[in-house]
Amino acid sequence: MGSLVVVISGAISGLVSHLRGRHVRSGIGVVFGALGTGGAVLAADVSGLLDDAVLLTLFSALLMVVAAAMIVNNTRRRSPRPSSNHDGPENRPV
């Protein structure tokens, strides 16, 4: 219960700060909140119908997909990109 109070108070103070700075798109926030709430309710209902082993397997698969996506994304960022201003033979005037 204590951690919930801390999270809620932090979220409210952040919201107030961003509202003052006009960094909040209220319409998008309402849609996002409604879809997130609906998804959470639906997922809670579905999870009650599934066996614990199935849920653990699905969660493990999700973690593997996320880990793979993070590795691919990190690898792409670190790979050297060819420079457009190097003096290789293809860039020399004829």
N, C-alpha and C. Protein backbone atom coordinates (compact mmCIF):
# COMPACT_ATOMS: atom_id res chain seq x y z
N MET A 1 0.82 -1.19 0.00
CA MET A 1 0.00 0.00 0.00
C MET A 1 0.86 1.25 0.00
N GLY A 2 1.95 1.21 0.74
CA GLY A 2 2.83 2.38 0.81
C GLY A 2 3.45 2.71 -0.53
N SER A 3 3.86 1.67 -1.28
CA SER A 3 4.47 1.93 -2.58
C SER A 3 3.44 2.50 -3.57
N LEU A 4 2.20 2.10 -3.43
CA LEU A 4 1.15 2.63 -4.29
C LEU A 4 0.97 4.13 -4.04
N VAL A 5 1.02 4.54 -2.79
CA VAL A 5 0.90 5.96 -2.45
C VAL A 5 2.06 6.74 -3.05
N VAL A 6 3.27 6.18 -2.97
CA VAL A 6 4.45 6.85 -3.52
C VAL A 6 4.32 6.98 -5.04
N VAL A 7 3.89 5.92 -5.72
CA VAL A 7 3.76 5.96 -7.18
C VAL A 7 2.69 6.97 -7.59
N ILE A 8 1.55 6.95 -6.90
CA ILE A 8 0.46 7.87 -7.25
C ILE A 8 0.88 9.32 -7.02
N SER A 9 1.53 9.58 -5.88
CA SER A 9 1.94 10.96 -5.61
C SER A 9 2.99 11.43 -6.61
N GLY A 10 3.90 10.55 -6.99
CA GLY A 10 4.90 10.91 -8.00
C GLY A 10 4.27 11.17 -9.36
N ALA A 11 3.29 10.35 -9.72
CA ALA A 11 2.61 10.53 -11.00
C ALA A 11 1.82 11.83 -11.02
N ILE A 12 1.16 12.15 -9.92
CA ILE A 12 0.38 13.39 -9.87
C ILE A 12 1.29 14.60 -9.92
N SER A 13 2.39 14.57 -9.18
CA SER A 13 3.29 15.72 -9.21
C SER A 13 3.92 15.89 -10.59
N GLY A 14 4.25 14.80 -11.25
CA GLY A 14 4.78 14.89 -12.61
C GLY A 14 3.75 15.42 -13.59
N LEU A 15 2.50 14.98 -13.42
CA LEU A 15 1.43 15.46 -14.29
C LEU A 15 1.22 16.95 -14.12
N VAL A 16 1.18 17.41 -12.87
CA VAL A 16 0.99 18.84 -12.62
C VAL A 16 2.11 19.65 -13.24
N SER A 17 3.34 19.18 -13.07
CA SER A 17 4.49 19.87 -13.64
C SER A 17 4.40 19.96 -15.16
N HIS A 18 4.04 18.87 -15.79
CA HIS A 18 3.95 18.86 -17.25
C HIS A 18 2.73 19.62 -17.75
N LEU A 19 1.66 19.64 -16.98
CA LEU A 19 0.51 20.45 -17.36
C LEU A 19 0.88 21.93 -17.37
N ARG A 20 1.62 22.36 -16.35
CA ARG A 20 2.06 23.76 -16.29
C ARG A 20 2.95 24.11 -17.47
N GLY A 21 3.81 23.18 -17.88
CA GLY A 21 4.69 23.41 -19.02
C GLY A 21 4.02 23.18 -20.36
N ARG A 22 2.75 22.83 -20.33
CA ARG A 22 1.96 22.55 -21.55
C ARG A 22 2.59 21.45 -22.40
N HIS A 23 3.02 20.40 -21.72
CA HIS A 23 3.61 19.26 -22.41
C HIS A 23 2.69 18.05 -22.43
N VAL A 24 1.42 18.26 -22.15
CA VAL A 24 0.48 17.14 -22.03
C VAL A 24 -0.55 17.23 -23.14
N ARG A 25 -0.75 16.14 -23.84
CA ARG A 25 -1.83 16.03 -24.83
C ARG A 25 -2.95 15.26 -24.16
N SER A 26 -3.90 15.99 -23.61
CA SER A 26 -4.95 15.38 -22.79
C SER A 26 -5.76 14.34 -23.54
N GLY A 27 -6.12 14.61 -24.78
CA GLY A 27 -6.93 13.66 -25.55
C GLY A 27 -6.22 12.33 -25.73
N ILE A 28 -4.96 12.39 -26.09
CA ILE A 28 -4.18 11.17 -26.27
C ILE A 28 -4.04 10.44 -24.94
N GLY A 29 -3.85 11.21 -23.86
CA GLY A 29 -3.72 10.60 -22.53
C GLY A 29 -4.98 9.86 -22.11
N VAL A 30 -6.13 10.45 -22.40
CA VAL A 30 -7.40 9.81 -22.03
C VAL A 30 -7.59 8.52 -22.84
N VAL A 31 -7.29 8.59 -24.13
CA VAL A 31 -7.43 7.39 -24.98
C VAL A 31 -6.46 6.31 -24.51
N PHE A 32 -5.22 6.69 -24.25
CA PHE A 32 -4.22 5.74 -23.79
C PHE A 32 -4.64 5.12 -22.46
N GLY A 33 -5.13 5.93 -21.54
CA GLY A 33 -5.57 5.42 -20.24
C GLY A 33 -6.76 4.48 -20.37
N ALA A 34 -7.71 4.84 -21.23
CA ALA A 34 -8.90 3.99 -21.40
C ALA A 34 -8.52 2.65 -22.03
N LEU A 35 -7.68 2.69 -23.05
CA LEU A 35 -7.26 1.44 -23.69
C LEU A 35 -6.41 0.59 -22.75
N GLY A 36 -5.55 1.23 -21.98
CA GLY A 36 -4.73 0.50 -21.02
C GLY A 36 -5.57 -0.14 -19.93
N THR A 37 -6.58 0.59 -19.45
CA THR A 37 -7.46 0.04 -18.41
C THR A 37 -8.27 -1.13 -18.96
N GLY A 38 -8.82 -0.95 -20.15
CA GLY A 38 -9.59 -2.03 -20.78
C GLY A 38 -8.73 -3.25 -21.03
N GLY A 39 -7.52 -3.03 -21.50
CA GLY A 39 -6.61 -4.15 -21.74
C GLY A 39 -6.24 -4.87 -20.46
N ALA A 40 -6.04 -4.12 -19.38
CA ALA A 40 -5.70 -4.73 -18.10
C ALA A 40 -6.85 -5.58 -17.56
N VAL A 41 -8.07 -5.07 -17.69
CA VAL A 41 -9.24 -5.83 -17.22
C VAL A 41 -9.40 -7.11 -18.05
N LEU A 42 -9.27 -6.98 -19.36
CA LEU A 42 -9.40 -8.15 -20.24
C LEU A 42 -8.30 -9.17 -19.94
N ALA A 43 -7.07 -8.70 -19.77
CA ALA A 43 -5.96 -9.62 -19.49
C ALA A 43 -6.15 -10.31 -18.14
N ALA A 44 -6.68 -9.59 -17.16
CA ALA A 44 -6.93 -10.21 -15.85
C ALA A 44 -7.97 -11.31 -15.97
N ASP A 45 -9.01 -11.08 -16.76
CA ASP A 45 -10.04 -12.10 -16.95
C ASP A 45 -9.48 -13.32 -17.68
N VAL A 46 -8.71 -13.09 -18.72
CA VAL A 46 -8.14 -14.19 -19.50
C VAL A 46 -7.13 -14.97 -18.65
N SER A 47 -6.32 -14.26 -17.86
CA SER A 47 -5.31 -14.95 -17.06
C SER A 47 -5.95 -15.87 -16.02
N GLY A 48 -7.16 -15.54 -15.58
CA GLY A 48 -7.86 -16.41 -14.64
C GLY A 48 -8.31 -17.71 -15.28
N LEU A 49 -8.42 -17.72 -16.60
CA LEU A 49 -8.86 -18.92 -17.31
C LEU A 49 -7.70 -19.85 -17.69
N LEU A 50 -6.48 -19.33 -17.65
CA LEU A 50 -5.33 -20.11 -18.09
C LEU A 50 -4.60 -20.74 -16.92
N ASP A 51 -3.96 -21.86 -17.19
CA ASP A 51 -3.14 -22.54 -16.20
C ASP A 51 -1.89 -21.72 -15.92
N ASP A 52 -1.37 -21.81 -14.71
CA ASP A 52 -0.18 -21.04 -14.33
C ASP A 52 1.02 -21.37 -15.22
N ALA A 53 1.16 -22.63 -15.60
CA ALA A 53 2.29 -23.03 -16.45
C ALA A 53 2.19 -22.38 -17.82
N VAL A 54 0.98 -22.26 -18.35
CA VAL A 54 0.78 -21.60 -19.65
C VAL A 54 1.15 -20.12 -19.54
N LEU A 55 0.70 -19.47 -18.47
CA LEU A 55 1.02 -18.06 -18.28
C LEU A 55 2.53 -17.85 -18.16
N LEU A 56 3.19 -18.72 -17.42
CA LEU A 56 4.64 -18.60 -17.27
C LEU A 56 5.35 -18.81 -18.60
N THR A 57 4.88 -19.76 -19.39
CA THR A 57 5.48 -20.01 -20.70
C THR A 57 5.27 -18.81 -21.63
N LEU A 58 4.07 -18.26 -21.64
CA LEU A 58 3.80 -17.08 -22.47
C LEU A 58 4.64 -15.89 -22.04
N PHE A 59 4.76 -15.69 -20.73
CA PHE A 59 5.56 -14.58 -20.22
C PHE A 59 7.03 -14.78 -20.58
N SER A 60 7.52 -16.01 -20.47
CA SER A 60 8.90 -16.30 -20.85
C SER A 60 9.14 -16.03 -22.33
N ALA A 61 8.19 -16.41 -23.16
CA ALA A 61 8.31 -16.15 -24.59
C ALA A 61 8.32 -14.64 -24.87
N LEU A 62 7.48 -13.91 -24.18
CA LEU A 62 7.47 -12.45 -24.33
C LEU A 62 8.81 -11.85 -23.95
N LEU A 63 9.38 -12.32 -22.85
CA LEU A 63 10.69 -11.80 -22.43
C LEU A 63 11.77 -12.11 -23.46
N MET A 64 11.70 -13.29 -24.07
CA MET A 64 12.68 -13.64 -25.10
C MET A 64 12.55 -12.74 -26.33
N VAL A 65 11.32 -12.45 -26.72
CA VAL A 65 11.10 -11.58 -27.87
C VAL A 65 11.62 -10.17 -27.58
N VAL A 66 11.33 -9.67 -26.39
CA VAL A 66 11.79 -8.33 -26.02
C VAL A 66 13.31 -8.30 -25.96
N ALA A 67 13.93 -9.32 -25.38
CA ALA A 67 15.39 -9.37 -25.31
C ALA A 67 16.00 -9.40 -26.70
N ALA A 68 15.43 -10.20 -27.60
CA ALA A 68 15.94 -10.27 -28.97
C ALA A 68 15.81 -8.92 -29.67
N ALA A 69 14.68 -8.25 -29.47
CA ALA A 69 14.48 -6.94 -30.08
C ALA A 69 15.49 -5.93 -29.54
N MET A 70 15.79 -5.99 -28.26
CA MET A 70 16.76 -5.08 -27.68
C MET A 70 18.16 -5.36 -28.22
N ILE A 71 18.51 -6.62 -28.37
CA ILE A 71 19.82 -6.97 -28.90
C ILE A 71 19.95 -6.50 -30.35
N VAL A 72 18.93 -6.74 -31.15
CA VAL A 72 18.96 -6.31 -32.56
C VAL A 72 19.07 -4.80 -32.65
N ASN A 73 18.28 -4.10 -31.85
CA ASN A 73 18.29 -2.64 -31.87
C ASN A 73 19.66 -2.11 -31.45
N ASN A 74 20.25 -2.70 -30.43
CA ASN A 74 21.56 -2.26 -29.96
C ASN A 74 22.64 -2.56 -30.99
N THR A 75 22.53 -3.69 -31.65
CA THR A 75 23.50 -4.08 -32.66
C THR A 75 23.44 -3.13 -33.85
N ARG A 76 22.23 -2.76 -34.27
CA ARG A 76 22.08 -1.84 -35.40
C ARG A 76 22.66 -0.47 -35.08
N ARG A 77 22.51 -0.02 -33.84
CA ARG A 77 23.03 1.29 -33.47
C ARG A 77 24.54 1.32 -33.45
N ARG A 78 25.16 0.20 -33.11
CA ARG A 78 26.61 0.16 -32.99
C ARG A 78 27.31 -0.16 -34.31
N SER A 79 26.59 -0.68 -35.28
CA SER A 79 27.24 -1.06 -36.53
C SER A 79 27.70 0.19 -37.26
N PRO A 80 28.93 0.15 -37.78
CA PRO A 80 29.43 1.33 -38.48
C PRO A 80 28.66 1.56 -39.77
N ARG A 81 28.29 2.78 -39.99
CA ARG A 81 27.59 3.14 -41.21
C ARG A 81 28.59 3.77 -42.16
N PRO A 82 28.46 3.47 -43.43
CA PRO A 82 29.41 4.05 -44.40
C PRO A 82 29.26 5.57 -44.43
N SER A 83 30.40 6.23 -44.45
CA SER A 83 30.40 7.68 -44.49
C SER A 83 30.14 8.15 -45.91
N SER A 84 29.39 9.22 -46.04
CA SER A 84 29.08 9.72 -47.38
C SER A 84 30.17 10.64 -47.90
N ASN A 85 31.16 10.97 -47.06
CA ASN A 85 32.18 11.92 -47.51
C ASN A 85 33.57 11.31 -47.51
N HIS A 86 33.70 9.99 -47.63
CA HIS A 86 35.03 9.42 -47.69
C HIS A 86 35.54 9.42 -49.13
N ASP A 87 36.84 9.29 -49.27
CA ASP A 87 37.46 9.41 -50.59
C ASP A 87 37.75 8.05 -51.20
N GLY A 88 36.78 7.19 -51.20
CA GLY A 88 36.94 5.89 -51.84
C GLY A 88 36.87 6.06 -53.36
N PRO A 89 37.21 5.00 -54.11
CA PRO A 89 37.23 5.10 -55.58
C PRO A 89 35.88 5.49 -56.17
N GLU A 90 34.79 5.14 -55.52
CA GLU A 90 33.49 5.46 -56.08
C GLU A 90 33.15 6.94 -55.93
N ASN A 91 33.86 7.68 -55.10
CA ASN A 91 33.57 9.10 -54.89
C ASN A 91 34.58 10.04 -55.56
N ARG A 92 35.57 9.50 -56.25
CA ARG A 92 36.56 10.35 -56.90
C ARG A 92 36.04 10.85 -58.26
N PRO A 93 36.30 12.13 -58.54
CA PRO A 93 35.87 12.65 -59.85
C PRO A 93 36.64 11.99 -60.98
N VAL A 94 36.01 11.83 -62.11
CA VAL A 94 36.64 11.16 -63.26
C VAL A 94 37.26 12.19 -64.18
